[in-house]
Protein backbone atom coordinates (compact mmCIF):
# COMPACT_ATOMS: atom_id res chain seq x y z
CA MET A 1 -13.48 17.96 3.13
CA TRP A 2 -13.76 15.53 0.26
CA VAL A 3 -11.94 12.31 -0.50
CA SER A 4 -12.11 10.33 -3.69
CA PHE A 5 -12.70 6.80 -2.37
CA ALA A 6 -12.83 4.55 0.71
CA PRO A 7 -9.20 4.07 1.86
CA LEU A 8 -8.60 7.81 1.81
CA GLU A 9 -11.79 8.37 3.80
CA TYR A 10 -10.39 6.10 6.51
CA LEU A 11 -7.08 7.96 6.42
CA VAL A 12 -8.58 11.45 6.77
CA GLU A 13 -10.98 10.35 9.49
CA ARG A 14 -8.16 8.77 11.51
CA VAL A 15 -5.88 11.78 11.19
CA GLY A 16 -8.52 14.51 11.27
CA GLY A 17 -10.57 13.15 14.16
CA PRO A 18 -13.56 15.13 15.46
CA GLU A 19 -12.28 18.36 13.95
CA VAL A 20 -13.09 17.33 10.38
CA GLN A 21 -16.16 16.27 8.42
CA VAL A 22 -15.28 13.89 5.61
CA ASP A 23 -17.39 13.26 2.51
CA ASN A 24 -16.64 10.56 -0.05
CA LEU A 25 -16.97 11.24 -3.77
CA THR A 26 -17.60 7.51 -4.39
CA PRO A 27 -21.00 6.47 -2.99
CA PRO A 28 -21.55 3.05 -1.39
CA GLY A 29 -21.39 0.23 -3.92
CA ALA A 30 -20.05 2.39 -6.74
CA ASP A 31 -16.96 1.56 -8.77
CA PRO A 32 -14.41 4.37 -8.27
CA HIS A 33 -12.80 3.67 -11.66
CA SER A 34 -15.99 4.61 -13.54
CA GLN A 35 -17.34 7.20 -11.12
CA GLU A 36 -18.67 10.32 -12.87
CA LEU A 37 -19.06 13.62 -10.98
CA SER A 38 -22.05 15.92 -11.46
CA PRO A 39 -21.70 19.71 -11.89
CA ALA A 40 -23.04 20.06 -8.33
CA ARG A 41 -20.27 17.82 -7.02
CA VAL A 42 -17.65 19.83 -8.92
CA ALA A 43 -19.03 22.93 -7.19
CA ASP A 44 -18.67 21.14 -3.85
CA LEU A 45 -15.02 20.52 -4.63
CA ALA A 46 -14.49 24.18 -5.47
CA ALA A 47 -15.82 25.14 -2.03
CA ALA A 48 -13.95 22.43 -0.09
CA ASP A 49 -11.24 23.20 2.46
CA LEU A 50 -9.37 20.07 1.41
CA VAL A 51 -9.61 17.42 -1.30
CA VAL A 52 -7.64 14.17 -1.01
CA TYR A 53 -7.31 11.85 -4.01
CA VAL A 54 -4.85 9.76 -5.97
CA SER A 55 -4.35 11.00 -9.49
CA GLY A 56 -4.73 8.50 -12.31
CA LEU A 57 -7.23 6.22 -10.55
CA GLN A 58 -10.40 8.14 -11.43
CA PRO A 59 -10.18 10.24 -14.60
CA SER A 60 -13.40 12.13 -13.88
CA THR A 61 -12.10 13.13 -10.45
CA ASP A 62 -8.80 14.31 -11.94
CA GLU A 63 -10.73 16.48 -14.39
CA ALA A 64 -13.09 17.81 -11.72
CA ILE A 65 -10.24 18.83 -9.41
CA GLU A 66 -8.46 20.60 -12.26
CA GLN A 67 -11.67 22.45 -13.08
CA ALA A 68 -12.71 23.24 -9.48
CA GLU A 69 -9.28 24.31 -8.17
CA PRO A 70 -9.97 23.55 -4.47
CA ALA A 71 -8.13 25.57 -1.84
CA VAL A 72 -5.92 22.66 -0.70
CA VAL A 73 -5.37 19.42 -2.60
CA VAL A 74 -3.43 16.35 -1.48
CA ASP A 75 -2.50 13.96 -4.27
CA THR A 76 -1.49 10.76 -2.51
CA LEU A 77 0.27 9.61 -5.66
CA ASP A 78 3.26 11.25 -3.95
CA ALA A 79 3.11 8.49 -1.30
CA ALA A 80 2.78 5.86 -4.01
CA THR A 81 5.96 7.02 -5.75
CA ALA A 82 8.04 8.20 -2.78
CA ALA A 83 11.63 6.96 -2.68
CA ILE A 84 11.92 5.14 0.65
CA SER A 85 15.44 4.18 1.64
CA GLY A 86 15.99 0.43 1.64
CA GLU A 87 12.48 -0.29 0.42
CA PRO A 88 11.40 -2.20 -2.72
CA ASN A 89 10.72 -0.25 -5.87
CA PRO A 90 6.97 0.37 -6.17
CA PRO A 91 4.97 -0.65 -9.24
CA ASP A 92 4.25 1.89 -11.94
CA PRO A 93 1.25 3.77 -10.47
CA SER A 94 -0.06 4.50 -13.95
CA ARG A 95 -0.74 0.75 -14.16
CA ASP A 96 -1.40 -0.02 -10.50
CA PRO A 97 -2.46 2.84 -8.20
CA HIS A 98 -3.35 0.60 -5.23
CA PHE A 99 -0.56 1.88 -3.01
CA TRP A 100 -2.73 1.68 0.13
CA LEU A 101 -2.26 -2.11 0.14
CA ASP A 102 1.31 -1.39 1.26
CA PRO A 103 1.00 -0.26 4.92
CA ILE A 104 4.27 1.68 4.81
CA ARG A 105 3.24 3.76 1.80
CA PHE A 106 -0.20 4.26 3.32
CA GLY A 107 1.61 5.75 6.30
CA GLU A 108 3.41 8.15 3.97
CA ALA A 109 -0.01 9.41 2.85
CA ALA A 110 -1.10 9.83 6.49
CA GLN A 111 1.77 12.23 7.04
CA GLN A 112 0.85 14.15 3.88
CA ILE A 113 -2.67 14.58 5.21
CA ALA A 114 -1.52 15.63 8.69
CA ASP A 115 0.64 18.34 7.14
CA ALA A 116 -2.23 19.58 4.93
CA LEU A 117 -4.70 19.68 7.82
CA ALA A 118 -2.16 21.55 9.96
CA THR A 119 -1.91 24.19 7.25
CA ILE A 120 -5.69 24.59 7.15
CA ALA A 121 -6.23 24.61 10.93
CA PRO A 122 -2.91 25.30 12.68
CA GLU A 123 -4.63 25.46 16.07
CA HIS A 124 -5.19 21.68 15.78
CA ALA A 125 -1.81 20.85 14.22
CA ASP A 126 -0.56 18.93 17.26
CA ASP A 127 -3.78 16.87 17.34
CA TYR A 128 -3.44 15.95 13.67
CA ARG A 129 0.18 14.95 14.01
CA ASP A 130 -0.50 12.96 17.19
CA ARG A 131 -3.26 11.04 15.42
CA ALA A 132 -1.06 10.48 12.41
CA GLY A 133 1.60 9.12 14.75
CA ALA A 134 -0.91 6.73 16.34
CA LEU A 135 -1.98 5.54 12.89
CA LEU A 136 1.64 5.05 11.85
CA THR A 137 2.13 2.85 14.91
CA ASP A 138 -0.84 0.74 13.81
CA LEU A 139 0.48 0.52 10.26
CA ASP A 140 3.98 -0.41 11.39
CA GLN A 141 2.46 -3.19 13.50
CA LEU A 142 0.42 -4.37 10.53
CA ASP A 143 3.53 -4.38 8.34
CA ALA A 144 5.40 -6.39 10.97
CA GLU A 145 2.58 -8.95 11.11
CA TYR A 146 2.61 -9.31 7.31
CA ALA A 147 6.39 -9.58 7.18
CA GLU A 148 6.46 -12.27 9.86
CA ALA A 149 3.52 -14.25 8.47
CA LEU A 150 4.91 -14.19 4.91
CA SER A 151 8.58 -14.49 5.83
CA GLY A 152 8.88 -17.87 4.12
CA CYS A 153 7.03 -16.79 0.99
CA ALA A 154 9.62 -14.77 -0.92
CA GLY A 155 9.03 -15.44 -4.60
CA ALA A 156 5.69 -17.19 -4.06
CA THR A 157 3.24 -16.73 -6.93
CA LEU A 158 0.09 -14.76 -6.12
CA VAL A 159 -2.60 -15.36 -8.76
CA THR A 160 -5.36 -12.75 -8.72
CA SER A 161 -8.30 -12.05 -10.94
CA HIS A 162 -6.81 -8.65 -11.78
CA GLU A 163 -3.52 -6.97 -11.01
CA ALA A 164 -4.51 -4.83 -8.03
CA PHE A 165 -1.97 -6.17 -5.56
CA GLY A 166 1.35 -5.03 -7.02
CA TYR A 167 2.26 -2.84 -4.05
CA LEU A 168 1.47 -5.58 -1.57
CA ALA A 169 3.43 -8.09 -3.65
CA ALA A 170 6.43 -5.76 -3.91
CA ARG A 171 6.45 -5.09 -0.16
CA TYR A 172 6.47 -8.78 0.82
CA GLY A 173 8.42 -10.33 -2.04
CA LEU A 174 5.57 -12.02 -3.87
CA ARG A 175 5.20 -12.51 -7.62
CA GLN A 176 1.77 -11.29 -8.75
CA GLU A 177 0.12 -12.84 -11.82
CA GLY A 178 -3.25 -11.44 -12.83
CA ILE A 179 -5.83 -13.22 -14.95
CA THR A 180 -6.43 -9.77 -16.41
CA GLY A 181 -4.38 -6.60 -16.15
CA ILE A 182 -5.27 -3.61 -14.01
CA ASP A 183 -8.76 -3.26 -15.49
CA PRO A 184 -11.03 -5.98 -14.04
CA GLU A 185 -13.60 -5.44 -16.79
CA VAL A 186 -11.28 -6.65 -19.56
CA GLU A 187 -11.80 -10.28 -20.53
CA PRO A 188 -8.57 -12.33 -20.60
CA SER A 189 -7.54 -13.72 -23.95
CA PRO A 190 -7.26 -17.47 -24.53
CA ALA A 191 -3.51 -17.00 -24.90
CA ARG A 192 -3.31 -15.33 -21.47
CA LEU A 193 -5.26 -18.17 -19.87
CA ARG A 194 -2.94 -20.74 -21.45
CA ASP A 195 0.14 -18.84 -20.28
CA LEU A 196 -1.29 -18.48 -16.79
CA ALA A 197 -2.12 -22.18 -16.57
CA ALA A 198 1.52 -22.96 -17.37
CA ILE A 199 2.73 -20.50 -14.72
CA ILE A 200 0.36 -22.01 -12.15
CA GLU A 201 1.55 -25.54 -12.89
CA GLU A 202 5.22 -24.60 -12.75
CA ALA A 203 4.83 -22.68 -9.46
CA GLY A 204 2.58 -25.29 -7.84
CA VAL A 205 -0.09 -22.67 -7.09
CA SER A 206 -3.00 -23.97 -5.02
CA THR A 207 -5.30 -20.94 -4.86
CA ILE A 208 -6.66 -18.32 -7.24
CA TYR A 209 -7.85 -15.12 -5.59
CA PHE A 210 -10.72 -12.99 -6.78
CA GLU A 211 -11.77 -9.60 -5.44
CA THR A 212 -14.78 -8.76 -3.31
CA ALA A 213 -16.37 -6.43 -5.83
CA ALA A 214 -15.42 -8.30 -9.01
CA ASP A 215 -17.28 -11.02 -10.87
CA PRO A 216 -15.58 -14.27 -9.79
CA ALA A 217 -16.74 -16.27 -12.82
CA VAL A 218 -13.45 -16.35 -14.75
CA ALA A 219 -11.37 -17.06 -11.65
CA GLU A 220 -13.73 -19.82 -10.54
CA THR A 221 -13.79 -21.41 -14.00
CA LEU A 222 -10.00 -21.38 -14.26
CA ALA A 223 -9.66 -22.79 -10.75
CA ALA A 224 -12.15 -25.56 -11.50
CA ASP A 225 -10.37 -26.45 -14.75
CA LEU A 226 -7.03 -26.71 -12.93
CA GLY A 227 -8.33 -28.35 -9.75
CA LEU A 228 -7.49 -25.36 -7.54
CA ARG A 229 -9.34 -23.63 -4.74
CA THR A 230 -10.42 -19.99 -4.69
CA ASP A 231 -10.31 -17.34 -1.99
CA VAL A 232 -11.04 -13.62 -1.69
CA LEU A 233 -8.76 -10.60 -1.43
CA ASP A 234 -10.21 -7.12 -0.94
CA PRO A 235 -8.45 -4.25 -2.79
CA MET A 236 -10.63 -1.81 -0.80
CA GLU A 237 -11.63 0.29 -3.77
CA ARG A 238 -15.28 0.40 -2.71
CA PRO A 239 -16.75 1.44 0.66
CA SER A 240 -17.21 -1.45 3.08
CA ASP A 241 -18.27 -1.82 6.71
CA PRO A 242 -14.97 -3.02 8.25
CA ASP A 243 -12.16 -0.51 8.51
CA TYR A 244 -8.81 -0.63 6.77
CA LEU A 245 -6.98 -2.59 9.46
CA THR A 246 -9.74 -5.21 9.65
CA VAL A 247 -9.73 -5.76 5.90
CA MET A 248 -5.95 -5.99 5.78
CA GLN A 249 -6.04 -8.63 8.52
CA SER A 250 -8.59 -10.60 6.51
CA ASN A 251 -6.39 -10.33 3.43
CA LEU A 252 -3.41 -11.62 5.40
CA THR A 253 -5.39 -14.63 6.61
CA ALA A 254 -6.38 -15.41 3.03
CA LEU A 255 -2.75 -15.16 1.89
CA GLN A 256 -1.56 -17.41 4.70
CA ASP A 257 -4.21 -19.98 3.80
CA GLY A 258 -3.63 -19.96 0.07
CA LEU A 259 -0.03 -19.13 -0.85
CA VAL A 260 2.37 -21.97 -1.57
CA CYS A 261 5.66 -21.05 0.10
CA ASP A 262 9.05 -22.71 -0.02
CA GLN A 263 9.70 -22.40 3.71
CA PRO A 264 7.51 -23.02 6.76
CA ARG A 265 5.94 -19.94 8.28
């Protein structure tokens, strides 16, 4: 079974357990946005029992899946765009596909995967759904911790080096402002930096966040110019040693330390 990048690897391993072998199309240290797939890898996809990806994040993967026509495909974009009663409207996934930073939507994807695995191996269907249920419990707890920790932060401005945290911001009522847009490789214009400096001053922002795998130079320069501190948020696009829950806890600590909120938390 193949997945397209790290968060989905975690998801399939948690739900699939010992009954599945998971391979990641994005090797350690690689950027999933620019990942290119070899003809041999396309052949692997054609022979796979299951492929899990999110369409729109990795164009080469989208093309390879269309070409290979694997037996069973789960596009977790469905979780990113699902209408959830009483929940905030998600960002446009064509601009921000990072739905896994919203624990509730990540849980939607877990259920998608459990259903797909049950179709492939019905003899293990109860195991898959039990594991998905256990993961949903973990994700609900994580969501509760975020909601409590950020309860006084509705409307707080979250300044990031690129706009990868729209789903997280929507879930917890934050206002995301990126130095660049969704593509971290695009240099911000002087006009954008001037506009952002005005937003930062008006909102009383104290911290600019950069991502683990991105060059922090622009964020650090802007922070130094404005007398602000910097901290790190991990969008989990690239494989890392800690698991999903550990990284999300680290992100929450960084948000608690750096956001300027109107009410005590």
